[in-house]
Amino acid sequence: MFTGIIAAIGSVESVQASGGDLRLQIATHKLDLSDVGLGDSIAVNGVCLTVVAMNNAQVSFDVSRESLDRTSLGQARPGSKVNLEKALAVGDRLGGHIVSGHVDGLGKIILMEPSARSVTFRIEVPAALERYIAEKGSICIDGVSLTVNKVGERWFEVNIIPHTMQETIISEYLAGTIVNLEVDLIARYLERLLPGQDTGISRDTLAKHGYI
């Protein structure tokens, strides 16, 4: 589990094909690896990956075909920057929201507008994820925990403050950039638990079951 609070920006050192999968070697830069060992989990752009090799500040991960098909990691190239977060430890502050590191789908940056000292980003989302995204709810974009400011048909907006721009790869986003999305776990499990819901959660359904 993770919190969506990015600890460091890493850079891809190498991308090696291996039997249809990939092995990524990433320079972790300022990420503290003193408590990280083989088999531990690190979120790379919001994707939970297992450490398979370590060499000083370089860490390697095997990326499965499933992860390559569902995330943007297949686009990684030497020099690509990535958001990094170590797995949540018992007793850590939950500064963002509960993040599993299991990407639900891909979004696309379709608009960027200055908003005072911040920047507003509009992200296009797949139709299948639209119903899980709510105004003032939580969303994880490339591993970054963010609050949804506005929702529309097949899109939502977030406001990025200067600190977040500086400490994550969001500063490199351009119109057309593809990003990893993880919706709020609560919304996903709530839909699964409610009986007889084949088409998703509606406001009437939530009211009927006492959630609003």
C-alpha atoms as a PDB file:
ATOM      1  CA  MET A   1       0.000   0.000   0.000  1.00  0.00           C
ATOM      2  CA  PHE A   2       1.050   3.590  -0.653  1.00  0.00           C
ATOM      3  CA  THR A   3      -0.156   7.106   0.138  1.00  0.00           C
ATOM      4  CA  GLY A   4       0.395   8.954  -3.143  1.00  0.00           C
ATOM      5  CA  ILE A   5       3.016  11.258  -1.593  1.00  0.00           C
ATOM      6  CA  ILE A   6       6.018  11.143  -3.912  1.00  0.00           C
ATOM      7  CA  ALA A   7       9.347  10.702  -2.131  1.00  0.00           C
ATOM      8  CA  ALA A   8      11.702  11.242  -5.080  1.00  0.00           C
ATOM      9  CA  ILE A   9      11.956  11.626  -8.832  1.00  0.00           C
ATOM     10  CA  GLY A  10      13.969   8.823 -10.385  1.00  0.00           C
ATOM     11  CA  SER A  11      15.302   8.348 -13.899  1.00  0.00           C
ATOM     12  CA  VAL A  12      15.273   5.273 -16.103  1.00  0.00           C
ATOM     13  CA  GLU A  13      18.799   3.974 -16.658  1.00  0.00           C
ATOM     14  CA  SER A  14      18.015   1.050 -18.941  1.00  0.00           C
ATOM     15  CA  VAL A  15      15.109  -0.878 -20.449  1.00  0.00           C
ATOM     16  CA  GLN A  16      15.834  -4.507 -21.266  1.00  0.00           C
ATOM     17  CA  ALA A  17      13.420  -6.828 -23.064  1.00  0.00           C
ATOM     18  CA  SER A  18      13.180 -10.269 -21.450  1.00  0.00           C
ATOM     19  CA  GLY A  19      10.854 -12.960 -22.791  1.00  0.00           C
ATOM     20  CA  GLY A  20       8.090 -10.514 -23.643  1.00  0.00           C
ATOM     21  CA  ASP A  21       8.452  -8.643 -20.354  1.00  0.00           C
ATOM     22  CA  LEU A  22      10.763  -5.756 -19.455  1.00  0.00           C
ATOM     23  CA  ARG A  23      13.392  -5.179 -16.827  1.00  0.00           C
ATOM     24  CA  LEU A  24      13.674  -1.541 -15.777  1.00  0.00           C
ATOM     25  CA  GLN A  25      16.773  -0.225 -14.048  1.00  0.00           C
ATOM     26  CA  ILE A  26      16.066   3.058 -12.309  1.00  0.00           C
ATOM     27  CA  ALA A  27      18.378   5.553 -10.631  1.00  0.00           C
ATOM     28  CA  THR A  28      16.506   6.479  -7.460  1.00  0.00           C
ATOM     29  CA  HIS A  29      18.520   9.653  -6.708  1.00  0.00           C
ATOM     30  CA  LYS A  30      17.424  11.052  -3.321  1.00  0.00           C
ATOM     31  CA  LEU A  31      15.112   8.149  -2.399  1.00  0.00           C
ATOM     32  CA  ASP A  32      16.233   6.668   0.938  1.00  0.00           C
ATOM     33  CA  LEU A  33      16.995   2.979   0.298  1.00  0.00           C
ATOM     34  CA  SER A  34      18.383   2.212   3.769  1.00  0.00           C
ATOM     35  CA  ASP A  35      15.302   0.152   4.645  1.00  0.00           C
ATOM     36  CA  VAL A  36      14.688  -1.336   1.182  1.00  0.00           C
ATOM     37  CA  GLY A  37      15.692  -4.877   0.221  1.00  0.00           C
ATOM     38  CA  LEU A  38      15.070  -7.442  -2.482  1.00  0.00           C
ATOM     39  CA  GLY A  39      11.389  -8.318  -2.720  1.00  0.00           C
ATOM     40  CA  ASP A  40      10.200  -4.979  -1.350  1.00  0.00           C
ATOM     41  CA  SER A  41       7.647  -2.866  -3.206  1.00  0.00           C
ATOM     42  CA  ILE A  42       8.188   0.570  -4.727  1.00  0.00           C
ATOM     43  CA  ALA A  43       5.587   2.495  -6.716  1.00  0.00           C
ATOM     44  CA  VAL A  44       6.980   3.698 -10.045  1.00  0.00           C
ATOM     45  CA  ASN A  45       4.614   6.239 -11.614  1.00  0.00           C
ATOM     46  CA  GLY A  46       1.915   4.721  -9.452  1.00  0.00           C
ATOM     47  CA  VAL A  47       2.632   1.105 -10.447  1.00  0.00           C
ATOM     48  CA  CYS A  48       3.534  -1.233  -7.587  1.00  0.00           C
ATOM     49  CA  LEU A  49       6.725  -3.059  -8.617  1.00  0.00           C
ATOM     50  CA  THR A  50       8.952  -5.550  -6.805  1.00  0.00           C
ATOM     51  CA  VAL A  51      12.656  -4.861  -6.299  1.00  0.00           C
ATOM     52  CA  VAL A  52      14.601  -7.674  -8.021  1.00  0.00           C
ATOM     53  CA  ALA A  53      18.130  -6.199  -7.935  1.00  0.00           C
ATOM     54  CA  MET A  54      19.952  -3.347  -6.210  1.00  0.00           C
ATOM     55  CA  ASN A  55      23.284  -1.645  -6.883  1.00  0.00           C
ATOM     56  CA  ASN A  56      23.872   1.407  -4.704  1.00  0.00           C
ATOM     57  CA  ALA A  57      21.211   3.925  -5.780  1.00  0.00           C
ATOM     58  CA  GLN A  58      20.139   1.845  -8.790  1.00  0.00           C
ATOM     59  CA  VAL A  59      17.151  -0.464  -8.416  1.00  0.00           C
ATOM     60  CA  SER A  60      15.823  -2.961 -10.956  1.00  0.00           C
ATOM     61  CA  PHE A  61      12.261  -4.168 -11.480  1.00  0.00           C
ATOM     62  CA  ASP A  62      10.683  -6.791 -13.727  1.00  0.00           C
ATOM     63  CA  VAL A  63       7.555  -5.449 -15.425  1.00  0.00           C
ATOM     64  CA  SER A  64       5.057  -8.108 -16.504  1.00  0.00           C
ATOM     65  CA  ARG A  65       3.125  -8.162 -19.767  1.00  0.00           C
ATOM     66  CA  GLU A  66      -0.046  -7.360 -17.792  1.00  0.00           C
ATOM     67  CA  SER A  67       1.531  -4.191 -16.350  1.00  0.00           C
ATOM     68  CA  LEU A  68       2.886  -3.177 -19.754  1.00  0.00           C
ATOM     69  CA  ASP A  69      -0.559  -3.555 -21.319  1.00  0.00           C
ATOM     70  CA  ARG A  70      -2.386  -1.609 -18.589  1.00  0.00           C
ATOM     71  CA  THR A  71       0.071   1.164 -17.721  1.00  0.00           C
ATOM     72  CA  SER A  72       2.368   3.683 -19.370  1.00  0.00           C
ATOM     73  CA  LEU A  73       5.546   1.862 -18.287  1.00  0.00           C
ATOM     74  CA  GLY A  74       5.882   0.310 -21.737  1.00  0.00           C
ATOM     75  CA  GLN A  75       6.716   3.822 -22.986  1.00  0.00           C
ATOM     76  CA  ALA A  76       9.665   4.189 -20.581  1.00  0.00           C
ATOM     77  CA  ARG A  77      12.985   4.973 -22.232  1.00  0.00           C
ATOM     78  CA  PRO A  78      16.485   5.650 -20.867  1.00  0.00           C
ATOM     79  CA  GLY A  79      16.360   9.147 -19.395  1.00  0.00           C
ATOM     80  CA  SER A  80      12.619   9.072 -18.673  1.00  0.00           C
ATOM     81  CA  LYS A  81      11.778  10.570 -15.284  1.00  0.00           C
ATOM     82  CA  VAL A  82       9.494   8.664 -12.909  1.00  0.00           C
ATOM     83  CA  ASN A  83       7.726   9.309  -9.612  1.00  0.00           C
ATOM     84  CA  LEU A  84       8.919   7.042  -6.780  1.00  0.00           C
ATOM     85  CA  GLU A  85       7.319   6.093  -3.463  1.00  0.00           C
ATOM     86  CA  LYS A  86       8.264   3.323  -1.035  1.00  0.00           C
ATOM     87  CA  ALA A  87       5.543   1.096   0.381  1.00  0.00           C
ATOM     88  CA  LEU A  88       3.683   2.410   3.415  1.00  0.00           C
ATOM     89  CA  ALA A  89       5.038   1.199   6.768  1.00  0.00           C
ATOM     90  CA  VAL A  90       2.884   0.693   9.862  1.00  0.00           C
ATOM     91  CA  GLY A  91       2.852   3.961  11.820  1.00  0.00           C
ATOM     92  CA  ASP A  92       3.629   6.200   8.816  1.00  0.00           C
ATOM     93  CA  ARG A  93       1.568   9.329   8.249  1.00  0.00           C
ATOM     94  CA  LEU A  94      -1.169   8.880   5.653  1.00  0.00           C
ATOM     95  CA  GLY A  95      -0.577  12.219   3.994  1.00  0.00           C
ATOM     96  CA  GLY A  96      -2.443  11.499   0.779  1.00  0.00           C
ATOM     97  CA  HIS A  97      -5.012   8.714   0.488  1.00  0.00           C
ATOM     98  CA  ILE A  98      -4.905   4.915   0.404  1.00  0.00           C
ATOM     99  CA  VAL A  99      -3.294   3.849  -2.863  1.00  0.00           C
ATOM    100  CA  SER A 100      -2.796   0.228  -3.916  1.00  0.00           C
ATOM    101  CA  GLY A 101      -0.376   0.742  -6.791  1.00  0.00           C
ATOM    102  CA  HIS A 102      -2.736  -1.156  -9.125  1.00  0.00           C
ATOM    103  CA  VAL A 103      -3.471   1.072 -12.101  1.00  0.00           C
ATOM    104  CA  ASP A 104      -7.087   1.107 -13.301  1.00  0.00           C
ATOM    105  CA  GLY A 105      -6.516   2.729 -16.677  1.00  0.00           C
ATOM    106  CA  LEU A 106      -4.784   5.399 -18.700  1.00  0.00           C
ATOM    107  CA  GLY A 107      -5.733   9.066 -18.924  1.00  0.00           C
ATOM    108  CA  LYS A 108      -4.606  11.771 -21.323  1.00  0.00           C
ATOM    109  CA  ILE A 109      -3.770  15.402 -20.580  1.00  0.00           C
ATOM    110  CA  ILE A 110      -6.072  17.488 -22.771  1.00  0.00           C
ATOM    111  CA  LEU A 111      -5.796  20.957 -21.223  1.00  0.00           C
ATOM    112  CA  MET A 112      -3.404  22.946 -19.019  1.00  0.00           C
ATOM    113  CA  GLU A 113      -4.284  26.418 -17.743  1.00  0.00           C
ATOM    114  CA  PRO A 114      -2.566  28.736 -15.246  1.00  0.00           C
ATOM    115  CA  SER A 115      -4.634  29.354 -12.109  1.00  0.00           C
ATOM    116  CA  ALA A 116      -2.941  32.020  -9.960  1.00  0.00           C
ATOM    117  CA  ARG A 117       0.337  30.328  -8.856  1.00  0.00           C
ATOM    118  CA  SER A 118      -0.997  26.867  -9.683  1.00  0.00           C
ATOM    119  CA  VAL A 119      -1.846  25.033 -12.894  1.00  0.00           C
ATOM    120  CA  THR A 120      -5.176  23.386 -13.699  1.00  0.00           C
ATOM    121  CA  PHE A 121      -4.956  20.133 -15.638  1.00  0.00           C
ATOM    122  CA  ARG A 122      -7.870  18.535 -17.450  1.00  0.00           C
ATOM    123  CA  ILE A 123      -7.508  14.775 -17.962  1.00  0.00           C
ATOM    124  CA  GLU A 124      -9.524  12.639 -20.349  1.00  0.00           C
ATOM    125  CA  VAL A 125     -10.568   9.307 -18.817  1.00  0.00           C
ATOM    126  CA  PRO A 126     -11.827   5.982 -20.211  1.00  0.00           C
ATOM    127  CA  ALA A 127     -15.607   5.621 -20.079  1.00  0.00           C
ATOM    128  CA  ALA A 128     -15.285   2.622 -17.739  1.00  0.00           C
ATOM    129  CA  LEU A 129     -13.586   4.755 -15.040  1.00  0.00           C
ATOM    130  CA  GLU A 130     -15.757   7.859 -15.307  1.00  0.00           C
ATOM    131  CA  ARG A 131     -18.292   6.778 -12.670  1.00  0.00           C
ATOM    132  CA  TYR A 132     -15.613   6.282  -9.988  1.00  0.00           C
ATOM    133  CA  ILE A 133     -14.394   9.891 -10.131  1.00  0.00           C
ATOM    134  CA  ALA A 134     -16.242  12.443  -8.011  1.00  0.00           C
ATOM    135  CA  GLU A 135     -15.787  16.145  -7.342  1.00  0.00           C
ATOM    136  CA  LYS A 136     -13.644  16.637  -4.200  1.00  0.00           C
ATOM    137  CA  GLY A 137     -12.855  12.917  -4.219  1.00  0.00           C
ATOM    138  CA  SER A 138      -9.375  11.428  -4.485  1.00  0.00           C
ATOM    139  CA  ILE A 139      -7.544  10.322  -7.622  1.00  0.00           C
ATOM    140  CA  CYS A 140      -4.017   9.019  -8.146  1.00  0.00           C
ATOM    141  CA  ILE A 141      -2.180  10.275 -11.250  1.00  0.00           C
ATOM    142  CA  ASP A 142       1.204   8.658 -11.961  1.00  0.00           C
ATOM    143  CA  GLY A 143       1.376   7.822  -8.264  1.00  0.00           C
ATOM    144  CA  VAL A 144       0.460  11.325  -7.048  1.00  0.00           C
ATOM    145  CA  SER A 145      -2.496  11.672  -4.659  1.00  0.00           C
ATOM    146  CA  LEU A 146      -4.679  14.545  -5.859  1.00  0.00           C
ATOM    147  CA  THR A 147      -8.113  16.040  -5.197  1.00  0.00           C
ATOM    148  CA  VAL A 148     -10.604  16.219  -8.049  1.00  0.00           C
ATOM    149  CA  ASN A 149     -11.805  19.797  -8.501  1.00  0.00           C
ATOM    150  CA  LYS A 150     -14.301  19.361 -11.318  1.00  0.00           C
ATOM    151  CA  VAL A 151     -15.788  16.528 -13.366  1.00  0.00           C
ATOM    152  CA  GLY A 152     -17.355  16.467 -16.807  1.00  0.00           C
ATOM    153  CA  GLU A 153     -18.269  13.954 -19.473  1.00  0.00           C
ATOM    154  CA  ARG A 154     -15.187  11.731 -19.847  1.00  0.00           C
ATOM    155  CA  TRP A 155     -12.870  14.224 -18.104  1.00  0.00           C
ATOM    156  CA  PHE A 156     -11.916  15.645 -14.725  1.00  0.00           C
ATOM    157  CA  GLU A 157      -9.722  18.504 -13.500  1.00  0.00           C
ATOM    158  CA  VAL A 158      -7.103  18.805 -10.777  1.00  0.00           C
ATOM    159  CA  ASN A 159      -5.215  21.831  -9.486  1.00  0.00           C
ATOM    160  CA  ILE A 160      -1.441  21.418  -9.094  1.00  0.00           C
ATOM    161  CA  ILE A 161       0.327  23.696  -6.616  1.00  0.00           C
ATOM    162  CA  PRO A 162       3.957  24.800  -7.164  1.00  0.00           C
ATOM    163  CA  HIS A 163       5.360  22.353  -4.574  1.00  0.00           C
ATOM    164  CA  THR A 164       3.760  19.372  -6.313  1.00  0.00           C
ATOM    165  CA  MET A 165       4.986  20.601  -9.694  1.00  0.00           C
ATOM    166  CA  GLN A 166       8.524  20.818  -8.344  1.00  0.00           C
ATOM    167  CA  GLU A 167       8.575  17.468  -6.519  1.00  0.00           C
ATOM    168  CA  THR A 168       6.934  15.267  -9.177  1.00  0.00           C
ATOM    169  CA  ILE A 169       7.098  14.657 -12.920  1.00  0.00           C
ATOM    170  CA  ILE A 170       3.881  16.624 -13.434  1.00  0.00           C
ATOM    171  CA  SER A 171       6.037  19.620 -14.387  1.00  0.00           C
ATOM    172  CA  GLU A 172       6.945  17.728 -17.579  1.00  0.00           C
ATOM    173  CA  TYR A 173       3.374  17.051 -18.696  1.00  0.00           C
ATOM    174  CA  LEU A 174       2.249  18.353 -22.069  1.00  0.00           C
ATOM    175  CA  ALA A 175      -1.048  18.168 -23.920  1.00  0.00           C
ATOM    176  CA  GLY A 176      -1.308  14.564 -25.074  1.00  0.00           C
ATOM    177  CA  THR A 177       0.777  13.082 -22.235  1.00  0.00           C
ATOM    178  CA  ILE A 178      -0.519   9.653 -21.185  1.00  0.00           C
ATOM    179  CA  VAL A 179      -0.780   9.105 -17.417  1.00  0.00           C
ATOM    180  CA  ASN A 180      -1.544   6.194 -15.095  1.00  0.00           C
ATOM    181  CA  LEU A 181      -4.814   6.501 -13.162  1.00  0.00           C
ATOM    182  CA  GLU A 182      -5.904   4.730  -9.994  1.00  0.00           C
ATOM    183  CA  VAL A 183      -9.385   5.543  -8.726  1.00  0.00           C
ATOM    184  CA  ASP A 184     -10.343   5.686  -5.062  1.00  0.00           C
ATOM    185  CA  LEU A 185     -10.329   2.203  -3.518  1.00  0.00           C
ATOM    186  CA  ILE A 186     -13.474   2.953  -1.534  1.00  0.00           C
ATOM    187  CA  ALA A 187     -15.486   3.672  -4.688  1.00  0.00           C
ATOM    188  CA  ARG A 188     -14.235   0.507  -6.371  1.00  0.00           C
ATOM    189  CA  TYR A 189     -15.039  -1.812  -3.463  1.00  0.00           C
ATOM    190  CA  LEU A 190     -18.321  -0.109  -2.639  1.00  0.00           C
ATOM    191  CA  GLU A 191     -19.642  -0.901  -6.101  1.00  0.00           C
ATOM    192  CA  ARG A 192     -18.520  -4.524  -5.757  1.00  0.00           C
ATOM    193  CA  LEU A 193     -20.213  -4.951  -2.386  1.00  0.00           C
ATOM    194  CA  LEU A 194     -23.595  -3.445  -3.255  1.00  0.00           C
ATOM    195  CA  PRO A 195     -26.024  -6.162  -4.417  1.00  0.00           C
ATOM    196  CA  GLY A 196     -27.442  -6.214  -7.929  1.00  0.00           C
ATOM    197  CA  GLN A 197     -25.384  -3.351  -9.316  1.00  0.00           C
ATOM    198  CA  ASP A 198     -24.461  -4.264 -12.896  1.00  0.00           C
ATOM    199  CA  THR A 199     -24.268  -0.756 -14.321  1.00  0.00           C
ATOM    200  CA  GLY A 200     -22.410   1.119 -11.575  1.00  0.00           C
ATOM    201  CA  ILE A 201     -23.267   3.316  -8.627  1.00  0.00           C
ATOM    202  CA  SER A 202     -25.862   6.071  -8.902  1.00  0.00           C
ATOM    203  CA  ARG A 203     -26.717   8.796  -6.404  1.00  0.00           C
ATOM    204  CA  ASP A 204     -30.077   7.085  -5.786  1.00  0.00           C
ATOM    205  CA  THR A 205     -28.297   3.805  -5.006  1.00  0.00           C
ATOM    206  CA  LEU A 206     -25.986   5.476  -2.503  1.00  0.00           C
ATOM    207  CA  ALA A 207     -28.933   7.193  -0.808  1.00  0.00           C
ATOM    208  CA  LYS A 208     -30.892   3.940  -0.655  1.00  0.00           C
ATOM    209  CA  HIS A 209     -28.055   2.202   1.191  1.00  0.00           C
ATOM    210  CA  GLY A 210     -27.466   5.104   3.583  1.00  0.00           C
ATOM    211  CA  TYR A 211     -24.181   6.462   2.177  1.00  0.00           C
ATOM    212  CA  ILE A 212     -25.530   9.947   1.447  1.00  0.00           C
END
